[in-house]
C-alpha cells in the first residue's frame, strides 16, 4: 500500500495546525458558525443532530494494521468506543467534540491518515474494488491509478470549489464491485486487442434525488493520458455546472441536459487543448506508485481446500470467502452485519482485533468495502479455520455476504440532520426477522439497501430491494423499491407504490421475498426473477 513521502506528511501536518487555529477561533467566538462551516467541511467535520461527526478518508479502502489500531484508539479516546464504516470506504465518528477535533486529526497524521476533502464541493475519496490485487478477473491492480488520481486531486486549485461534491471510482475488471457507473466519473482499466492498457470513462452517474447511470464517454484513453482526460471531464463540468441550484448541480444533470454526445464533444476539445499544454503527470510517477502495490510474497504448494467438517465454518467459507488469483489463498470478508446489529459499525475492540488478524493472516493489509464490511484480501486456505474461530468469538463471523442480512444502511435520523426517517432500526428488524424465519438461507443473493433520505447514502436506488425513508406529514414513512443493481448489470430500482410505516416495511420486505421464492426458477437470483416477471406480481402481494 502507498506510504507517505515527506511532501505528503508536510501537507497533512500543515493542514492539522491550520485547522487547530480555525477551531480555536470558532471556540473563542472570533469565527461565526457560518464562517467556520466551509472550513470544517473541507476537513471532514460535519455538525449533525447531536454532535460533530468526523469522516476520515481511507483512500480506495486500503489500510494497514497500524492504521486500524489508530482508528480503534480514536474511537475510544474521542468517540463512544466505535466507528461507522461507510459506502465510500471511509470511517465516520459520530460524537466528536470541537475542542478535541484538531488533536484527533494530529493522531491521524501520525499514521498517514487525514480527513481532507471528505466533505465539501471537491473531489472526494477515490474508491475502488475491495478485491484489488487479489481478484483473478482484473487486468491489473487498479489502486496505483486510484492513488495517482488521489494525489492529482488533493488540493487541486481549480477543483476545490466545484458546483457540487464529486466522486470517482476506479476498477480493472468487467465485474463491477465498486458501483462504478453510479459515480460522477467511473473509470475501468481495460486492455486493448493489441495488449495496451488504457481507461474507459463513464461520466454522469449518481444516486440521490435524481438517480442516473453514467454513459460511456470514451472507451479507451491511453494510460499516459488518463489523468488529463479526467481533468478535461472536470473542466467542462466546472465551466457549465449549475451553481444557482444545488439540486441540479451534479455532473449527472449537466451530462443529461447537454446530452452525452455534446458533453463528449466538449471534453474531447478540452482534452486536445490540455494535451498541447502538457498537464499529465510523467509515467515515471505512475511507475513509482506501482511499486507500493506489488503483490505480497505468496507461498506456494499450499493446500487448496479446507477441512469442512465443522458445518458453521463450512457455511462461512461458502458465503464469505472469495476466490483468489494465487493458489492456496482466498479473500475473506469480515461481516460488520451481525443479526440485529448496526450495519457498518465496529467497536474499538473489534477494530483492534481486525488489525491483529490482518497482520497475522493477510500480509498486514485490510480493505474497507463499499458495502460496509472489511476484507482480508490474502488469507491462506489452510489457516481459515483459526481465523474464522477468532472472528466468530468476537461477533465478526456472520456468514451473510450478499445475503438479505448483509444490509447497507446510512446512519439515518438517529444521527443525520438531513435524514427524514431512521434507517438503523429498520435494518435491525429486517435482519432479525429473516434470521428467525430461516428464509435468508433460501433467498441466496439478495442485496438490500436503506437510505434515511433522498440523498441516498444507503444506495437504495441500487438495491435489489431498496428502502427510502421519507417524511409524511411529520411521520416517518418508507418507500419500497425493487430491481436495482450496482454491478456490471447496473439498473435503477423502481418504487412499488404507497409507502409503509416502520412495522409495515418489514412485513413488506418479507412479502416480496415470499413472492420471489414462489416465482423463481432454478438458479435465478432475486434480481433475475424480478426482471423476468416484472413488478406486477410483487405489487399484488404488497397491495392486493
Protein backbone atom coordinates (compact mmCIF):
# COMPACT_ATOMS: atom_id res chain seq x y z
CA UNK A 1 0.00 0.00 0.00
CA UNK A 2 1.05 3.61 -0.53
CA UNK A 3 3.32 5.23 2.07
CA UNK A 4 3.62 8.97 2.63
CA UNK A 5 6.72 10.79 1.46
CA UNK A 6 7.97 14.00 3.09
CA UNK A 7 5.63 16.12 0.95
CA UNK A 8 2.53 14.14 1.93
CA UNK A 9 3.42 14.33 5.61
CA UNK A 10 4.24 18.03 5.50
CA UNK A 11 0.98 18.76 3.71
CA UNK A 12 -1.13 16.85 6.23
CA UNK A 13 0.73 18.23 9.27
CA UNK A 14 0.31 21.80 7.98
CA UNK A 15 -3.42 21.27 7.49
CA UNK A 16 -3.77 19.98 11.08
CA UNK A 17 -2.18 23.11 12.53
CA UNK A 18 -4.20 25.34 10.23
CA UNK A 19 -7.41 23.65 11.40
CA UNK A 20 -6.30 23.83 15.05
CA UNK A 21 -6.19 27.62 14.70
CA UNK A 22 -9.58 27.67 12.96
CA UNK A 23 -11.16 25.61 15.75
CA UNK A 24 -9.66 27.87 18.40
CA UNK A 25 -11.08 30.94 16.69
CA UNK A 26 -14.51 29.32 16.46
CA UNK A 27 -14.47 28.32 20.14
CA UNK A 28 -13.41 31.84 21.17
CA UNK A 29 -16.19 33.41 19.10
CA UNK A 30 -13.87 35.04 16.57
CA UNK A 31 -15.50 32.98 13.82
CA UNK A 32 -19.25 32.59 13.45
CA UNK A 33 -20.72 29.20 12.54
CA UNK A 34 -21.39 30.47 9.00
CA UNK A 35 -17.74 31.50 8.68
CA UNK A 36 -16.49 28.26 10.21
CA UNK A 37 -18.72 25.89 8.25
CA UNK A 38 -16.79 25.83 4.93
CA UNK A 39 -13.52 25.47 6.86
CA UNK A 40 -14.66 22.47 8.90
CA UNK A 41 -16.29 20.81 5.92
CA UNK A 42 -13.04 20.83 3.98
CA UNK A 43 -11.60 18.92 6.93
CA UNK A 44 -14.39 16.35 7.05
CA UNK A 45 -16.18 17.76 10.09
CA UNK A 46 -20.00 17.88 9.98
CA UNK A 47 -22.42 19.25 12.56
CA UNK A 48 -25.05 16.52 12.99
CA UNK A 49 -28.13 16.18 15.18
CA UNK A 50 -26.33 15.56 18.47
CA UNK A 51 -22.66 16.35 17.96
CA UNK A 52 -19.96 16.87 15.37
CA UNK A 53 -19.27 13.95 13.04
CA UNK A 54 -15.82 13.42 11.51
CA UNK A 55 -15.34 11.46 8.28
CA UNK A 56 -11.85 10.01 7.85
CA UNK A 57 -10.51 9.23 4.38
CA UNK A 58 -9.38 5.68 3.62
CA UNK A 59 -8.16 6.01 0.01
CA UNK A 60 -9.57 3.21 -2.16
CA UNK A 61 -10.41 1.41 1.09
CA UNK A 62 -6.87 0.18 1.84
CA UNK A 63 -5.20 0.43 5.26
CA UNK A 64 -2.75 -1.49 7.42
CA UNK A 65 -2.87 -2.80 10.98
CA UNK A 66 -1.12 0.27 12.42
CA UNK A 67 -3.80 2.50 10.92
CA UNK A 68 -6.68 0.28 12.04
CA UNK A 69 -5.27 0.24 15.58
CA UNK A 70 -5.14 4.04 15.44
CA UNK A 71 -8.78 4.18 14.30
CA UNK A 72 -9.70 1.98 17.25
CA UNK A 73 -7.80 4.21 19.67
CA UNK A 74 -9.57 7.25 18.21
CA UNK A 75 -12.94 5.54 18.75
CA UNK A 76 -12.07 5.08 22.43
CA UNK A 77 -10.47 8.45 23.04
CA UNK A 78 -12.67 10.80 21.03
CA UNK A 79 -15.95 8.92 20.42
CA UNK A 80 -18.05 6.39 22.33
CA UNK A 81 -15.96 3.34 21.57
CA UNK A 82 -16.99 2.59 17.99
CA UNK A 83 -16.75 3.80 14.40
CA UNK A 84 -19.02 3.53 11.37
CA UNK A 85 -17.59 2.29 8.06
CA UNK A 86 -19.30 3.93 5.10
CA UNK A 87 -20.28 3.26 1.49
CA UNK A 88 -17.32 5.36 0.28
CA UNK A 89 -14.83 3.07 2.03
CA UNK A 90 -14.29 5.66 4.79
CA UNK A 91 -14.95 5.65 8.53
CA UNK A 92 -17.09 8.13 10.47
CA UNK A 93 -17.12 9.07 14.14
CA UNK A 94 -20.41 10.47 15.40
CA UNK A 95 -19.62 12.05 18.78
CA UNK A 96 -16.71 14.45 18.27
CA UNK A 97 -16.06 17.47 20.50
CA UNK A 98 -14.88 20.53 18.61
CA UNK A 99 -12.21 21.31 21.19
CA UNK A 100 -10.66 17.87 20.51
CA UNK A 101 -11.01 17.77 16.72
CA UNK A 102 -7.51 19.06 15.94
CA UNK A 103 -5.94 16.58 18.36
CA UNK A 104 -7.83 13.80 16.58
CA UNK A 105 -6.51 14.96 13.20
CA UNK A 106 -2.99 15.09 14.64
CA UNK A 107 -3.35 11.47 15.79
CA UNK A 108 -4.46 10.52 12.29
CA UNK A 109 -1.49 12.32 10.75
CA UNK A 110 0.88 10.18 12.85
CA UNK A 111 -0.31 7.10 10.91
CA UNK A 112 -0.50 8.71 7.45
CA UNK A 113 -4.24 9.44 7.54
CA UNK A 114 -6.42 12.53 7.33
CA UNK A 115 -9.95 13.81 6.77
CA UNK A 116 -9.14 16.24 3.96
CA UNK A 117 -11.73 16.50 1.15
CA UNK A 118 -14.11 14.04 2.76
CA UNK A 119 -16.72 16.78 2.56
CA UNK A 120 -17.34 19.98 0.64
CA UNK A 121 -17.73 20.63 -3.07
CA UNK A 122 -14.50 18.97 -4.08
CA UNK A 123 -13.20 15.62 -5.33
CA UNK A 124 -13.94 13.16 -2.54
CA UNK A 125 -12.18 9.93 -1.54
CA UNK A 126 -11.28 7.88 -4.64
CA UNK A 127 -12.93 4.47 -4.32
CA UNK A 128 -12.00 1.16 -5.92
CA UNK A 129 -12.52 -2.60 -5.97
CA UNK A 130 -12.05 -4.02 -2.48
CA UNK A 131 -10.61 -7.22 -4.00
CA UNK A 132 -7.97 -5.28 -5.98
CA UNK A 133 -4.72 -7.21 -6.23
CA UNK A 134 -6.48 -10.45 -5.28
CA UNK A 135 -9.18 -10.81 -7.94
CA UNK A 136 -8.42 -13.24 -10.72
CA UNK A 137 -10.51 -11.32 -13.25
CA UNK A 138 -8.70 -7.97 -13.06
CA UNK A 139 -6.41 -6.91 -15.90
CA UNK A 140 -4.20 -5.05 -13.43
CA UNK A 141 -4.37 -3.80 -9.83
CA UNK A 142 -6.40 -0.56 -10.13
CA UNK A 143 -5.09 1.03 -6.94
CA UNK A 144 -1.95 2.71 -8.37
CA UNK A 145 -4.23 4.56 -10.79
CA UNK A 146 -6.59 5.49 -7.96
CA UNK A 147 -3.60 6.72 -5.95
CA UNK A 148 -2.38 8.84 -8.85
CA UNK A 149 -5.83 10.41 -9.09
CA UNK A 150 -5.84 10.98 -5.33
CA UNK A 151 -2.55 12.85 -5.47
CA UNK A 152 -3.61 14.85 -8.52
CA UNK A 153 -6.93 15.83 -6.94
CA UNK A 154 -5.67 16.70 -3.45
CA UNK A 155 -5.79 20.48 -3.05
CA UNK A 156 -6.25 20.88 -6.80
CA UNK A 157 -6.70 24.66 -7.06
CA UNK A 158 -9.15 24.51 -9.96
CA UNK A 159 -11.41 21.88 -8.41
CA UNK A 160 -11.52 22.85 -4.73
CA UNK A 161 -14.83 24.73 -5.16
CA UNK A 162 -16.81 22.70 -7.70
CA UNK A 163 -20.54 23.24 -8.27
CA UNK A 164 -21.14 20.17 -6.07
CA UNK A 165 -19.30 17.23 -4.47
CA UNK A 166 -17.57 14.88 -6.89
CA UNK A 167 -16.97 11.13 -6.64
CA UNK A 168 -14.64 8.93 -8.70
CA UNK A 169 -14.30 5.13 -8.77
CA UNK A 170 -11.57 3.10 -10.47
CA UNK A 171 -11.88 -0.62 -11.25
CA UNK A 172 -9.98 -3.02 -13.53
CA UNK A 173 -12.33 -5.89 -14.26
CA UNK A 174 -15.54 -6.44 -16.16
CA UNK A 175 -17.22 -7.39 -12.90
CA UNK A 176 -18.08 -4.18 -11.10
CA UNK A 177 -17.61 -4.41 -7.34
CA UNK A 178 -17.49 -0.64 -6.75
CA UNK A 179 -20.77 0.67 -8.26
CA UNK A 180 -18.57 2.35 -10.86
CA UNK A 181 -21.36 3.58 -13.16
CA UNK A 182 -23.16 5.25 -10.28
CA UNK A 183 -20.28 7.69 -9.76
CA UNK A 184 -19.67 11.13 -11.22
CA UNK A 185 -16.75 9.56 -13.07
CA UNK A 186 -16.32 5.82 -13.31
CA UNK A 187 -13.04 4.55 -14.75
CA UNK A 188 -12.42 0.97 -15.82
CA UNK A 189 -8.86 0.00 -16.67
CA UNK A 190 -9.03 -2.13 -19.84
CA UNK A 191 -6.66 -3.88 -22.21
CA UNK A 192 -6.95 -3.28 -25.96
CA UNK A 193 -6.82 -6.01 -28.60
CA UNK A 194 -3.18 -5.02 -29.07
CA UNK A 195 -2.48 -5.62 -25.39
CA UNK A 196 -2.15 -1.95 -24.43
CA UNK A 197 -3.57 -0.80 -21.10
CA UNK A 198 -5.99 2.10 -21.15
CA UNK A 199 -9.01 3.55 -19.38
CA UNK A 200 -12.70 3.56 -20.29
CA UNK A 201 -14.50 6.63 -18.93
CA UNK A 202 -18.13 6.66 -17.79
CA UNK A 203 -19.32 10.11 -16.74
CA UNK A 204 -22.52 11.41 -15.19
CA UNK A 205 -23.74 8.71 -12.86
CA UNK A 206 -25.06 9.09 -9.35
CA UNK A 207 -27.89 8.44 -6.98
CA UNK A 208 -29.59 10.98 -4.72
CA UNK A 209 -32.63 12.99 -5.75
CA UNK A 210 -32.16 12.25 -9.47
CA UNK A 211 -30.51 8.84 -9.92
CA UNK A 212 -28.71 8.26 -13.23
CA UNK A 213 -26.44 5.64 -14.76
CA UNK A 214 -23.26 7.07 -16.27
CA UNK A 215 -22.99 6.73 -20.07
CA UNK A 216 -19.76 5.66 -21.72
CA UNK A 217 -17.97 8.82 -22.84
CA UNK A 218 -14.75 7.25 -24.17
CA UNK A 219 -13.93 3.58 -24.48
CA UNK A 220 -10.14 3.90 -24.45
CA UNK A 221 -7.78 6.55 -23.15
CA UNK A 222 -4.08 5.61 -23.11
CA UNK A 223 -2.82 5.37 -19.54
CA UNK A 224 -0.25 8.10 -20.11
CA UNK A 225 -3.20 10.45 -20.76
CA UNK A 226 -5.91 9.27 -18.37
CA UNK A 227 -5.35 11.96 -15.71
CA UNK A 228 -5.51 14.59 -18.45
CA UNK A 229 -8.79 13.12 -19.66
CA UNK A 230 -10.20 13.20 -16.12
CA UNK A 231 -9.14 16.85 -15.91
CA UNK A 232 -10.92 17.59 -19.19
CA UNK A 233 -14.10 15.97 -17.85
CA UNK A 234 -13.95 18.08 -14.70
CA UNK A 235 -13.11 21.31 -16.54
CA UNK A 236 -16.22 21.07 -18.70
CA UNK A 237 -18.29 20.40 -15.57
CA UNK A 238 -16.67 23.23 -13.61
CA UNK A 239 -17.33 25.60 -16.51
CA UNK A 240 -21.01 24.76 -17.06
CA UNK A 241 -22.25 23.07 -13.86
CA UNK A 242 -25.13 24.80 -12.08
CA UNK A 243 -24.20 26.86 -9.03
CA UNK A 244 -27.58 28.51 -8.63
CA UNK A 245 -29.48 25.34 -7.69
CA UNK A 246 -27.84 22.63 -5.58
CA UNK A 247 -30.45 20.10 -6.70
CA UNK A 248 -29.25 20.50 -10.30
CA UNK A 249 -25.57 20.98 -9.59
CA UNK A 250 -24.17 17.46 -10.00
CA UNK A 251 -22.39 16.50 -13.22
CA UNK A 252 -25.11 13.93 -13.99
CA UNK A 253 -27.53 16.82 -14.59
CA UNK A 254 -25.08 18.56 -16.90
CA UNK A 255 -24.44 15.39 -18.95
CA UNK A 256 -28.17 14.72 -19.13
CA UNK A 257 -29.08 18.27 -20.20
CA UNK A 258 -26.25 18.65 -22.71
CA UNK A 259 -26.64 15.10 -23.91
CA UNK A 260 -23.79 12.58 -23.81
CA UNK A 261 -22.70 13.42 -27.36
CA UNK A 262 -22.38 17.15 -26.76
CA UNK A 263 -20.68 16.63 -23.40
CA UNK A 264 -18.27 14.21 -25.12
CA UNK A 265 -17.54 16.77 -27.84
CA UNK A 266 -16.66 19.44 -25.31
CA UNK A 267 -14.50 17.06 -23.30
CA UNK A 268 -12.60 15.97 -26.40
CA UNK A 269 -12.00 19.60 -27.31
CA UNK A 270 -10.72 20.36 -23.82
CA UNK A 271 -8.66 17.16 -23.83
CA UNK A 272 -6.91 18.16 -27.05
CA UNK A 273 -6.10 21.56 -25.57
CA UNK A 274 -4.68 20.03 -22.38
CA UNK A 275 -2.53 17.61 -24.35
CA UNK A 276 -0.99 20.59 -26.12
CA UNK A 277 -0.34 22.32 -22.81
CA UNK A 278 1.07 19.15 -21.26
CA UNK A 279 -0.50 18.58 -17.82
CA UNK A 280 -0.22 14.79 -17.49
CA UNK A 281 1.97 13.50 -14.62
CA UNK A 282 5.04 11.72 -16.02
CA UNK A 283 4.79 7.97 -16.48
CA UNK A 284 7.69 7.67 -14.08
CA UNK A 285 5.34 8.79 -11.29
CA UNK A 286 2.86 6.06 -12.14
CA UNK A 287 5.69 3.53 -12.16
CA UNK A 288 6.82 4.80 -8.76
CA UNK A 289 3.34 4.34 -7.35
CA UNK A 290 3.06 0.83 -8.78
CA UNK A 291 5.96 -0.26 -6.57
CA UNK A 292 3.80 0.32 -3.49
CA UNK A 293 1.25 -2.20 -4.75
CA UNK A 294 3.45 -5.11 -5.74
CA UNK A 295 1.86 -8.47 -4.81
CA UNK A 296 3.00 -9.86 -1.47
CA UNK A 297 5.27 -12.90 -1.33
CA UNK A 298 2.62 -15.59 -1.69
CA UNK A 299 3.70 -19.05 -0.54
CA UNK A 300 3.50 -21.96 -2.97
CA UNK A 301 2.40 -25.54 -2.52
CA UNK A 302 -0.34 -24.62 -0.04
CA UNK A 303 -3.48 -26.71 0.49
CA UNK A 304 -6.29 -25.53 -1.73
CA UNK A 305 -9.14 -26.96 0.30
CA UNK A 306 -10.05 -26.50 3.96
CA UNK A 307 -11.38 -29.12 6.36
CA UNK A 308 -15.14 -28.53 6.15
CA UNK A 309 -16.21 -30.93 8.89
CA UNK A 310 -17.50 -28.04 11.03
CA UNK A 311 -20.78 -27.06 9.31
CA UNK A 312 -20.76 -23.48 10.66
CA UNK A 313 -17.25 -22.95 9.36
CA UNK A 314 -18.14 -24.54 6.01
CA UNK A 315 -21.09 -22.16 5.65
CA UNK A 316 -18.84 -19.16 6.36
CA UNK A 317 -16.38 -20.34 3.70
CA UNK A 318 -19.19 -20.69 1.16
CA UNK A 319 -20.67 -17.31 1.97
CA UNK A 320 -17.79 -15.04 2.97
CA UNK A 321 -14.70 -16.31 1.16
CA UNK A 322 -13.95 -15.30 -2.41
CA UNK A 323 -11.63 -16.99 -4.91
CA UNK A 324 -8.11 -15.56 -5.14
CA UNK A 325 -5.70 -15.30 -8.08
CA UNK A 326 -2.98 -17.09 -6.08
CA UNK A 327 -3.44 -20.85 -5.47
CA UNK A 328 -3.96 -21.70 -1.80
CA UNK A 329 -5.40 -18.30 -0.88
CA UNK A 330 -8.82 -16.67 -0.59
CA UNK A 331 -10.09 -13.19 0.17
CA UNK A 332 -12.04 -13.40 3.44
CA UNK A 333 -14.86 -10.93 4.09
CA UNK A 334 -15.45 -9.90 7.70
CA UNK A 335 -19.12 -9.08 8.09
CA UNK A 336 -19.99 -5.95 10.06
CA UNK A 337 -23.65 -7.02 9.87
CA UNK A 338 -24.37 -9.40 12.76
CA UNK A 339 -28.03 -10.34 13.19
CA UNK A 340 -29.72 -7.32 14.76
CA UNK A 341 -26.56 -5.21 14.55
CA UNK A 342 -25.99 -1.74 13.13
CA UNK A 343 -24.66 -2.13 9.57
CA UNK A 344 -21.10 -0.90 9.24
CA UNK A 345 -20.43 -0.32 12.93
CA UNK A 346 -17.38 -1.80 14.64
CA UNK A 347 -16.32 -1.40 18.25
CA UNK A 348 -12.82 -0.33 19.19
CA UNK A 349 -12.14 -3.86 20.46
CA UNK A 350 -13.28 -5.32 17.13
CA UNK A 351 -11.10 -2.88 15.19
CA UNK A 352 -8.09 -3.82 17.31
CA UNK A 353 -8.81 -7.49 16.64
CA UNK A 354 -9.19 -6.97 12.88
CA UNK A 355 -5.87 -5.11 12.89
CA UNK A 356 -4.17 -8.01 14.66
CA UNK A 357 -5.74 -10.54 12.30
CA UNK A 358 -4.60 -8.57 9.26
CA UNK A 359 -1.04 -8.61 10.50
CA UNK A 360 -1.17 -12.33 11.32
CA UNK A 361 -3.15 -13.67 8.36
CA UNK A 362 -3.20 -11.17 5.47
CA UNK A 363 0.20 -9.51 4.96
CA UNK A 364 -0.75 -6.62 7.26
CA UNK A 365 -3.46 -5.23 4.98
CA UNK A 366 -7.20 -4.60 5.30
CA UNK A 367 -9.79 -3.31 2.86
CA UNK A 368 -12.99 -1.41 3.58
CA UNK A 369 -15.76 -2.35 1.15
CA UNK A 370 -18.39 0.00 -0.22
CA UNK A 371 -20.89 -2.46 1.28
CA UNK A 372 -19.64 -1.56 4.79
CA UNK A 373 -17.65 -4.72 5.51
CA UNK A 374 -13.92 -5.42 5.92
CA UNK A 375 -11.80 -7.69 3.70
CA UNK A 376 -8.65 -9.60 4.50
CA UNK A 377 -7.55 -9.94 0.90
CA UNK A 378 -4.82 -12.61 1.11
CA UNK A 379 -5.56 -15.45 3.54
CA UNK A 380 -4.12 -18.95 3.32
CA UNK A 381 -6.88 -21.53 2.98
CA UNK A 382 -5.13 -23.77 5.48
CA UNK A 383 -5.41 -21.06 8.17
CA UNK A 384 -9.02 -20.13 7.57
CA UNK A 385 -10.47 -22.14 10.46
CA UNK A 386 -8.34 -20.46 13.09
CA UNK A 387 -9.14 -17.06 11.54
CA UNK A 388 -12.86 -17.79 11.50
CA UNK A 389 -12.80 -19.04 15.10
CA UNK A 390 -11.34 -15.77 16.32
CA UNK A 391 -13.76 -13.72 14.24
CA UNK A 392 -16.76 -15.71 15.40
CA UNK A 393 -15.79 -15.32 19.04
CA UNK A 394 -15.76 -11.53 18.55
CA UNK A 395 -19.13 -11.36 16.76
CA UNK A 396 -17.48 -10.89 13.37
CA UNK A 397 -18.13 -14.29 11.84
CA UNK A 398 -21.64 -13.87 10.46
CA UNK A 399 -21.89 -15.79 7.15
CA UNK A 400 -24.05 -13.36 5.17
CA UNK A 401 -22.06 -11.80 2.30
CA UNK A 402 -24.55 -10.58 -0.36
CA UNK A 403 -27.44 -12.16 1.58
CA UNK A 404 -30.55 -10.38 2.83
CA UNK A 405 -28.83 -9.77 6.19
CA UNK A 406 -25.85 -8.04 4.55
CA UNK A 407 -27.76 -4.75 4.56
CA UNK A 408 -26.32 -1.39 3.54
CA UNK A 409 -27.77 1.37 5.69
CA UNK A 410 -26.94 5.01 6.31
CA UNK A 411 -26.98 6.40 9.90
CA UNK A 412 -30.41 7.93 9.21
CA UNK A 413 -32.38 10.06 11.64
CA UNK A 414 -30.59 8.59 14.66
CA UNK A 415 -27.62 10.83 13.76
CA UNK A 416 -28.00 12.74 10.49
CA UNK A 417 -29.50 16.22 10.36
CA UNK A 418 -30.55 15.68 6.73
CA UNK A 419 -32.49 12.46 7.30
CA UNK A 420 -36.27 12.15 7.25
CA UNK A 421 -36.50 8.71 8.84
CA UNK A 422 -34.46 6.21 10.79
CA UNK A 423 -32.54 3.57 8.86
CA UNK A 424 -30.84 1.63 11.64
CA UNK A 425 -33.93 0.20 13.41
CA UNK A 426 -35.41 -0.91 10.09
CA UNK A 427 -32.18 -2.70 9.16
CA UNK A 428 -32.06 -4.37 12.56
CA UNK A 429 -35.66 -5.58 12.41
CA UNK A 430 -35.33 -6.95 8.87
CA UNK A 431 -32.13 -8.76 9.85
CA UNK A 432 -33.81 -10.27 12.89
CA UNK A 433 -36.97 -11.21 11.00
CA UNK A 434 -35.18 -13.21 8.32
CA UNK A 435 -32.77 -14.83 10.79
CA UNK A 436 -35.70 -16.00 12.91
CA UNK A 437 -37.71 -17.31 9.95
CA UNK A 438 -34.77 -19.07 8.34
CA UNK A 439 -35.75 -17.66 4.95
CA UNK A 440 -32.44 -15.89 4.50
CA UNK A 441 -30.72 -19.15 3.66
CA UNK A 442 -33.25 -19.94 0.93
CA UNK A 443 -33.12 -16.49 -0.66
CA UNK A 444 -29.48 -16.60 -1.79
CA UNK A 445 -28.09 -13.40 -3.27
CA UNK A 446 -30.38 -10.53 -2.32
CA UNK A 447 -28.93 -7.06 -1.83
CA UNK A 448 -31.00 -4.81 0.42
CA UNK A 449 -30.11 -1.13 0.86
CA UNK A 450 -31.70 1.51 3.10
CA UNK A 451 -31.46 5.32 2.98
CA UNK A 452 -32.96 7.69 5.52
CA UNK A 453 -33.44 10.45 2.95
CA UNK A 454 -33.34 11.22 -0.76
CA UNK A 455 -29.57 11.86 -0.65
CA UNK A 456 -29.23 8.06 -0.95
CA UNK A 457 -26.18 7.48 1.25
CA UNK A 458 -27.57 3.96 1.69
CA UNK A 459 -27.69 3.42 -2.10
CA UNK A 460 -31.37 2.44 -2.08
CA UNK A 461 -31.66 3.05 -5.84
CA UNK A 462 -29.11 0.27 -6.40
CA UNK A 463 -30.68 -2.34 -4.14
CA UNK A 464 -32.34 -5.47 -5.42
CA UNK A 465 -34.67 -4.28 -2.68
CA UNK A 466 -34.33 -0.63 -1.73
CA UNK A 467 -35.93 1.30 1.11
CA UNK A 468 -36.18 5.10 1.22
CA UNK A 469 -37.22 6.90 4.38
CA UNK A 470 -39.43 9.94 3.80
CA UNK A 471 -41.36 12.38 5.94
CA UNK A 472 -45.13 12.02 5.55
CA UNK A 473 -46.82 14.88 7.38
CA UNK A 474 -44.43 14.62 10.31
CA UNK A 475 -44.41 10.82 10.40
CA UNK A 476 -41.62 8.51 9.27
CA UNK A 477 -42.66 6.60 6.18
CA UNK A 478 -40.79 4.13 4.00
CA UNK A 479 -40.98 3.70 0.25
CA UNK A 480 -40.16 0.27 -1.16
CA UNK A 481 -38.19 -0.06 -4.39
CA UNK A 482 -37.34 -3.14 -6.45
CA UNK A 483 -34.96 -4.10 -9.23
CA UNK A 484 -31.82 -2.05 -8.70
CA UNK A 485 -28.25 -3.20 -9.22
CA UNK A 486 -24.88 -1.53 -8.67
CA UNK A 487 -22.94 -4.24 -10.50
CA UNK A 488 -21.99 -4.62 -14.16
CA UNK A 489 -25.70 -5.28 -14.90
CA UNK A 490 -26.43 -1.84 -13.43
CA UNK A 491 -30.05 -0.73 -13.10
CA UNK A 492 -32.12 1.68 -11.01
CA UNK A 493 -34.80 0.38 -8.66
CA UNK A 494 -38.42 1.45 -9.11
CA UNK A 495 -40.91 2.42 -6.42
CA UNK A 496 -43.58 -0.22 -5.85
CA UNK A 497 -46.35 2.12 -4.70
CA UNK A 498 -47.56 3.73 -1.45
CA UNK A 499 -45.13 3.66 1.46
CA UNK A 500 -45.29 1.86 4.81
CA UNK A 501 -44.70 2.62 8.46
CA UNK A 502 -41.77 1.02 10.29
CA UNK A 503 -43.55 -2.23 11.10
CA UNK A 504 -45.18 -2.33 7.69
CA UNK A 505 -41.94 -2.03 5.76
CA UNK A 506 -40.52 -5.09 7.49
CA UNK A 507 -43.65 -7.06 6.59
CA UNK A 508 -43.45 -5.71 3.03
CA UNK A 509 -39.88 -6.92 2.55
CA UNK A 510 -40.91 -10.38 3.72
CA UNK A 511 -43.85 -10.41 1.29
CA UNK A 512 -41.51 -9.51 -1.56
CA UNK A 513 -39.15 -12.29 -0.52
CA UNK A 514 -42.02 -14.80 -0.35
CA UNK A 515 -43.17 -13.79 -3.81
CA UNK A 516 -39.69 -14.35 -5.16
CA UNK A 517 -39.45 -17.80 -3.53
CA UNK A 518 -42.80 -18.76 -5.06
CA UNK A 519 -41.97 -17.45 -8.55
CA UNK A 520 -38.30 -18.15 -9.09
CA UNK A 521 -36.92 -20.73 -11.48
CA UNK A 522 -33.91 -22.93 -10.79
CA UNK A 523 -30.76 -20.89 -10.42
CA UNK A 524 -32.46 -17.50 -10.53
CA UNK A 525 -31.35 -14.75 -8.21
CA UNK A 526 -33.97 -12.37 -6.87
CA UNK A 527 -32.93 -9.82 -9.48
CA UNK A 528 -33.29 -12.35 -12.30
CA UNK A 529 -36.80 -13.27 -11.22
CA UNK A 530 -37.82 -9.63 -10.86
CA UNK A 531 -36.56 -8.82 -14.35
CA UNK A 532 -38.38 -11.82 -15.80
CA UNK A 533 -41.80 -11.37 -14.19
CA UNK A 534 -41.82 -7.61 -13.64
CA UNK A 535 -43.35 -5.54 -10.87
CA UNK A 536 -47.00 -6.68 -11.00
CA UNK A 537 -46.70 -9.91 -9.03
CA UNK A 538 -44.87 -8.10 -6.25
CA UNK A 539 -47.40 -5.25 -6.17
CA UNK A 540 -50.22 -7.76 -5.94
CA UNK A 541 -48.59 -9.36 -2.91
CA UNK A 542 -47.97 -5.96 -1.30
CA UNK A 543 -51.19 -4.12 -2.00
CA UNK A 544 -53.73 -6.77 -3.06
